[in-house]
Structures are given as C-alpha cells and as structure tokens.
C-alpha cells in the first residue's frame, strides 16, 4: 500500500483508498457491471486503433511475467 493511500484528513475522514473503493462501488450500483464491460471494450478498440493488432501479441507474450526492477 502506498503512503498516499494511508493519508487521512485531520478530521478523521477516510483514506484515499477507501474513497476510491466507495466511489467504485457507487458507480457499479448506479450503472451495473455492463458499464465496466462497455468501457473496457471501448478502451480495447481505441488501443487496437492506436497501436494495431500486433500490439496484443506482444503484451500477450508478456502476460504473467513479473517485471524486473532496475537496481539503483
């Protein structure tokens, strides 16, 4: 968990993480899971137009592989 996620308001408000979770739950309650499917599909189409279908081959091959961190 990032440090920013743990920051609370002095008045005892919620964390950034809690606010994000509550916001996501409200959107899901208002629009339903189909909304997320539709925006995901739109994003996929936009990515395909921008980078081309071969882009998916490359990221598909990387799928599941853990990225190596650069040592400082």
Protein backbone atom coordinates (compact mmCIF):
# COMPACT_ATOMS: atom_id res chain seq x y z
CA UNK A 1 0.00 0.00 0.00
CA UNK A 2 1.39 3.40 -0.97
CA UNK A 3 1.93 6.04 1.67
CA UNK A 4 -0.56 8.32 -0.07
CA UNK A 5 -3.25 5.65 0.33
CA UNK A 6 -2.82 5.83 4.10
CA UNK A 7 -3.16 9.61 4.42
CA UNK A 8 -6.24 10.65 6.37
CA UNK A 9 -7.85 14.03 6.87
CA UNK A 10 -7.17 15.59 10.28
CA UNK A 11 -10.91 15.39 11.00
CA UNK A 12 -10.87 11.59 10.81
CA UNK A 13 -12.04 11.27 7.21
CA UNK A 14 -11.45 8.27 5.03
CA UNK A 15 -8.25 7.31 3.27
CA UNK A 16 -7.73 7.79 -0.46
CA UNK A 17 -8.03 4.03 -0.87
CA UNK A 18 -11.36 3.93 0.99
CA UNK A 19 -12.70 6.83 -1.05
CA UNK A 20 -11.74 5.09 -4.30
CA UNK A 21 -13.38 1.87 -3.21
CA UNK A 22 -16.59 3.64 -2.20
CA UNK A 23 -16.64 5.55 -5.48
CA UNK A 24 -16.21 2.36 -7.49
CA UNK A 25 -18.97 0.64 -5.55
CA UNK A 26 -21.34 3.56 -6.19
CA UNK A 27 -20.63 3.53 -9.92
CA UNK A 28 -21.22 -0.22 -10.00
CA UNK A 29 -24.50 0.18 -8.12
CA UNK A 30 -25.64 3.01 -10.40
CA UNK A 31 -24.60 1.63 -13.81
CA UNK A 32 -24.05 -2.10 -13.25
CA UNK A 33 -21.27 -4.39 -14.35
CA UNK A 34 -22.25 -3.98 -18.01
CA UNK A 35 -20.96 -0.41 -17.80
CA UNK A 36 -17.47 -1.64 -16.94
CA UNK A 37 -17.63 -4.19 -19.76
CA UNK A 38 -18.61 -1.48 -22.25
CA UNK A 39 -15.86 0.97 -21.25
CA UNK A 40 -13.31 -1.86 -21.28
CA UNK A 41 -14.39 -2.80 -24.78
CA UNK A 42 -14.14 0.82 -25.93
CA UNK A 43 -10.66 1.09 -24.42
CA UNK A 44 -9.59 -2.10 -26.16
CA UNK A 45 -10.85 -0.83 -29.51
CA UNK A 46 -9.07 2.50 -29.03
CA UNK A 47 -5.84 0.68 -28.16
CA UNK A 48 -6.18 -1.52 -31.24
CA UNK A 49 -6.66 1.54 -33.45
CA UNK A 50 -3.73 3.36 -31.89
CA UNK A 51 -1.17 0.53 -31.73
CA UNK A 52 -2.53 -2.09 -34.14
CA UNK A 53 -3.49 -5.72 -33.56
CA UNK A 54 0.15 -6.88 -33.30
CA UNK A 55 0.44 -4.93 -30.05
CA UNK A 56 -1.80 -7.52 -28.39
CA UNK A 57 0.54 -10.30 -29.49
CA UNK A 58 3.44 -8.60 -27.74
CA UNK A 59 1.61 -7.90 -24.49
CA UNK A 60 0.07 -11.37 -24.60
CA UNK A 61 3.53 -12.91 -24.61
CA UNK A 62 4.49 -10.78 -21.61
CA UNK A 63 1.35 -11.78 -19.72
CA UNK A 64 2.03 -13.27 -16.34
CA UNK A 65 5.68 -12.32 -16.40
CA UNK A 66 6.92 -10.29 -13.48
CA UNK A 67 8.78 -7.14 -14.49
CA UNK A 68 12.38 -6.91 -13.36
CA UNK A 69 13.21 -3.85 -11.30
CA UNK A 70 16.18 -1.78 -12.23
CA UNK A 71 18.73 -1.68 -9.44
CA UNK A 72 19.92 1.78 -8.48
